[in-house]
Protein backbone atom coordinates (compact mmCIF):
# COMPACT_ATOMS: atom_id res chain seq x y z
CA MET A 1 -70.28 43.22 5.86
CA GLU A 2 -67.57 41.21 7.63
CA ASP A 3 -66.95 44.14 9.96
CA MET A 4 -70.45 43.71 11.39
CA TYR A 5 -69.47 40.35 12.89
CA VAL A 6 -66.20 41.48 14.51
CA LYS A 7 -66.62 41.90 18.23
CA PRO A 8 -65.15 45.00 19.84
CA GLY A 9 -61.75 44.58 21.45
CA ASN A 10 -58.24 43.95 20.26
CA GLN A 11 -58.21 44.13 16.47
CA GLU A 12 -54.71 42.66 16.09
CA ARG A 13 -54.47 39.07 15.01
CA GLY A 14 -53.06 36.64 17.54
CA TRP A 15 -50.36 34.06 16.86
CA ASN A 16 -52.90 31.23 16.83
CA ASP A 17 -55.64 32.85 14.77
CA PRO A 18 -56.40 30.90 11.60
CA PRO A 19 -55.14 32.40 8.33
CA GLN A 20 -57.40 34.78 6.48
CA PHE A 21 -58.03 33.67 2.94
CA SER A 22 -59.02 36.14 0.26
CA TYR A 23 -61.95 34.29 -1.20
CA GLY A 24 -63.16 37.45 -2.92
CA LEU A 25 -60.01 37.62 -5.05
CA GLN A 26 -60.39 34.01 -6.08
CA MET A 27 -63.97 34.53 -7.17
CA SER A 28 -63.16 37.63 -9.20
CA ARG A 29 -60.41 35.86 -11.15
CA THR A 30 -62.40 32.86 -12.33
CA PRO A 31 -64.30 33.45 -15.54
CA GLN A 32 -68.05 32.92 -15.54
CA ARG A 33 -68.72 29.33 -16.55
CA THR A 34 -71.83 27.89 -18.06
CA LEU A 35 -73.65 25.60 -15.74
CA LEU A 36 -73.79 22.06 -17.06
CA ASN A 37 -76.89 21.04 -15.18
CA LYS A 38 -79.22 23.34 -17.17
CA ARG A 39 -81.36 21.96 -19.94
CA ALA A 40 -81.14 23.24 -23.48
CA ALA A 41 -84.05 25.29 -24.73
CA PRO A 42 -86.44 23.47 -27.07
CA PRO A 43 -86.07 24.25 -30.79
CA VAL A 44 -88.05 27.24 -32.00
CA SER A 45 -89.50 25.52 -35.09
CA GLY A 46 -91.98 22.68 -34.82
CA GLU A 47 -89.51 20.10 -36.19
CA ARG A 48 -87.73 17.77 -33.88
CA HIS A 49 -84.02 17.68 -34.50
CA VAL A 50 -82.27 14.37 -33.92
CA PRO A 51 -78.48 14.66 -33.69
CA SER A 52 -76.62 12.47 -36.14
CA ALA A 53 -74.34 9.72 -34.91
CA THR A 54 -71.36 10.92 -36.97
CA PRO A 55 -69.64 14.23 -36.28
CA PRO A 56 -69.97 16.93 -38.95
CA VAL A 57 -67.26 16.89 -41.61
CA HIS A 58 -65.59 20.16 -42.51
CA PRO A 59 -64.24 19.97 -46.06
CA GLY A 60 -61.39 22.46 -45.47
CA LYS A 61 -59.95 20.71 -42.41
CA PRO A 62 -57.77 17.59 -42.49
CA PRO A 63 -58.61 14.84 -40.06
CA GLY A 64 -57.48 15.57 -36.49
CA PHE A 65 -53.83 15.09 -35.74
CA MET A 66 -52.02 15.31 -32.44
CA ALA A 67 -50.74 18.86 -32.09
CA THR A 68 -47.49 18.14 -30.27
CA PRO A 69 -45.56 14.98 -29.59
CA PRO A 70 -45.31 13.82 -25.99
CA PRO A 71 -42.31 15.18 -24.08
CA PRO A 72 -39.27 12.95 -23.76
CA ALA A 73 -39.46 10.80 -20.65
CA GLY A 74 -35.70 10.46 -20.00
CA PRO A 75 -34.93 13.54 -17.85
CA ILE A 76 -38.23 13.31 -16.01
CA ARG A 77 -37.49 9.78 -14.89
CA SER A 78 -34.06 10.72 -13.65
CA GLN A 79 -35.54 13.65 -11.71
CA LYS A 80 -38.15 11.34 -10.17
CA GLU A 81 -35.45 8.84 -9.28
CA ALA A 82 -33.40 11.61 -7.70
CA ASP A 83 -36.42 12.76 -5.70
CA ARG A 84 -37.13 9.19 -4.65
CA SER A 85 -33.56 8.62 -3.51
CA GLN A 86 -33.67 11.95 -1.65
CA SER A 87 -36.92 11.02 0.07
CA GLU A 88 -35.80 7.45 0.85
CA ARG A 89 -32.61 8.51 2.61
CA THR A 90 -32.89 9.00 6.35
CA PRO A 91 -31.73 12.47 7.42
CA GLU A 92 -28.73 12.64 9.72
CA MET A 93 -29.46 14.31 13.04
CA GLU A 94 -25.82 15.36 13.40
CA ALA A 95 -25.90 17.34 10.13
CA VAL A 96 -29.13 19.14 11.07
CA MET A 97 -27.95 19.92 14.59
CA SER A 98 -24.58 21.09 13.29
CA VAL A 99 -26.28 23.72 11.11
CA MET A 100 -28.57 24.80 13.96
CA LYS A 101 -25.72 25.09 16.47
CA SER A 102 -23.56 26.94 13.94
CA ALA A 103 -26.36 29.45 13.39
CA LEU A 104 -26.76 29.84 17.15
CA MET A 105 -23.03 30.47 17.59
CA SER A 106 -23.20 33.18 14.91
CA CYS A 107 -26.14 34.79 16.68
CA ARG A 108 -24.52 34.76 20.14
CA GLN A 109 -22.34 37.75 19.21
CA THR A 110 -25.26 40.07 18.48
CA VAL A 111 -28.34 38.63 20.21
CA LYS A 112 -29.15 38.82 23.94
CA GLY A 113 -27.84 35.96 26.03
CA GLN A 114 -31.25 35.06 27.41
CA ILE A 115 -32.68 34.62 23.92
CA CYS A 116 -29.74 32.48 22.85
CA ASN A 117 -30.04 30.35 25.99
CA ASP A 118 -33.74 29.79 25.30
CA VAL A 119 -33.00 28.82 21.68
CA GLU A 120 -30.26 26.47 22.89
CA LYS A 121 -32.69 24.84 25.33
CA ARG A 122 -35.21 24.33 22.50
CA LEU A 123 -32.52 22.86 20.26
CA ARG A 124 -31.65 20.39 23.03
CA LEU A 125 -35.33 19.37 23.13
CA LEU A 126 -35.20 18.83 19.35
CA GLU A 127 -32.06 16.71 19.70
CA ASP A 128 -33.56 14.68 22.55
CA SER A 129 -36.77 14.08 20.57
CA TRP A 130 -34.77 12.96 17.55
CA THR A 131 -32.45 10.60 19.46
CA SER A 132 -35.30 9.06 21.43
CA GLY A 133 -37.22 8.29 18.22
CA ARG A 134 -40.16 10.59 18.90
CA LEU A 135 -39.80 12.39 15.56
CA SER A 136 -41.49 10.85 12.54
CA LEU A 137 -39.59 10.47 9.26
CA PRO A 138 -41.49 13.32 7.52
CA VAL A 139 -40.55 15.71 10.34
CA GLN A 140 -36.91 14.57 10.14
CA ARG A 141 -36.87 15.11 6.37
CA ARG A 142 -38.40 18.57 6.63
CA MET A 143 -35.94 19.53 9.36
CA ASP A 144 -33.11 18.37 7.10
CA THR A 145 -34.47 20.54 4.30
CA LEU A 146 -34.96 23.45 6.71
CA ALA A 147 -31.32 23.16 7.80
CA GLU A 148 -30.18 23.15 4.15
CA GLU A 149 -32.25 26.27 3.41
CA LEU A 150 -30.92 27.97 6.54
CA LYS A 151 -27.33 27.12 5.61
CA SER A 152 -27.90 28.48 2.08
CA GLY A 153 -29.34 31.74 3.38
CA ARG A 154 -32.82 31.14 1.93
CA TRP A 155 -34.69 32.52 4.94
CA ASP A 156 -38.14 32.60 3.34
CA ALA A 157 -37.94 28.94 2.33
CA ALA A 158 -36.75 27.96 5.82
CA ASP A 159 -39.58 29.97 7.37
CA GLU A 160 -42.11 28.32 5.05
CA ILE A 161 -40.88 24.85 6.07
CA HIS A 162 -41.14 25.91 9.71
CA ARG A 163 -44.74 26.99 9.16
CA SER A 164 -45.67 23.78 7.37
CA LEU A 165 -44.20 21.75 10.23
CA MET A 166 -46.22 23.74 12.75
CA VAL A 167 -49.41 23.14 10.77
CA ASP A 168 -48.92 19.51 9.81
CA HIS A 169 -47.07 18.09 12.84
CA VAL A 170 -47.88 20.41 15.72
CA THR A 171 -47.90 17.73 18.41
CA GLU A 172 -44.39 16.58 17.50
CA VAL A 173 -42.74 19.96 17.07
CA SER A 174 -44.55 22.35 19.41
CA GLN A 175 -42.02 22.13 22.25
CA TRP A 176 -38.93 23.05 20.25
CA MET A 177 -40.12 24.73 17.03
CA VAL A 178 -40.36 28.13 18.74
CA GLY A 179 -36.59 28.05 19.14
CA VAL A 180 -36.07 27.13 15.49
CA LYS A 181 -38.36 29.97 14.42
CA ARG A 182 -36.44 32.43 16.57
CA LEU A 183 -33.16 31.11 15.21
CA ILE A 184 -34.34 31.66 11.62
CA ALA A 185 -35.42 35.22 12.47
CA GLU A 186 -32.21 36.11 14.30
CA THR A 187 -30.00 34.57 11.61
CA ARG A 188 -31.87 36.58 8.98
CA ASN A 189 -31.06 39.77 10.93
CA LEU A 190 -27.34 39.07 11.27
CA SER A 191 -24.89 41.64 9.91
CA PRO A 192 -22.98 40.62 6.76
CA GLN A 193 -19.77 39.95 8.76
CA HIS A 194 -21.48 37.55 11.17
CA LEU A 195 -23.56 36.03 8.39
CA GLU A 196 -20.42 35.32 6.37
CA LEU A 197 -19.04 33.24 9.24
CA PHE A 198 -22.24 31.19 9.36
CA LEU A 199 -22.71 30.68 5.61
CA ARG A 200 -19.15 29.40 5.05
């Protein structure tokens, strides 16, 4: 049915096409629920049944007890405090740029010079935006996390952070994020020898 509405032409999705969600899969997974806005059928017999104010008592069951005690709050608080201290700290531009430039240096040995020069130009735009105060704190924090993921070799996590930045903060990151995306992709494709130099 969806195919009827697709116009003829290029069937490939473009870079700026919105994501396709699989609503059909979501609907098939949810169990059929009873609708709460329907009225109950009237009783079959002629008597009117008035519900009692007290709940029915089952002789075999003890009164209701709590099934499990609440979880201890100690470790959770410390995790929240750690998250809060992580989120309250201002990311260092030098640390982020150091990781990005190190990745670029590792890529220079295997990637075309023109591509590396373009990535370097984009990284300079990032650095200029950061030093001039045009980057908001959430963008700085996500870039710090992206740099950590890149340094750790977690390419999928770095790519996911890149995507979230493009969706949530497109006006701030659009000029230089293309270079970061290319850097993630090229670093992912590095040979083990070159990758070892970067991940040290």
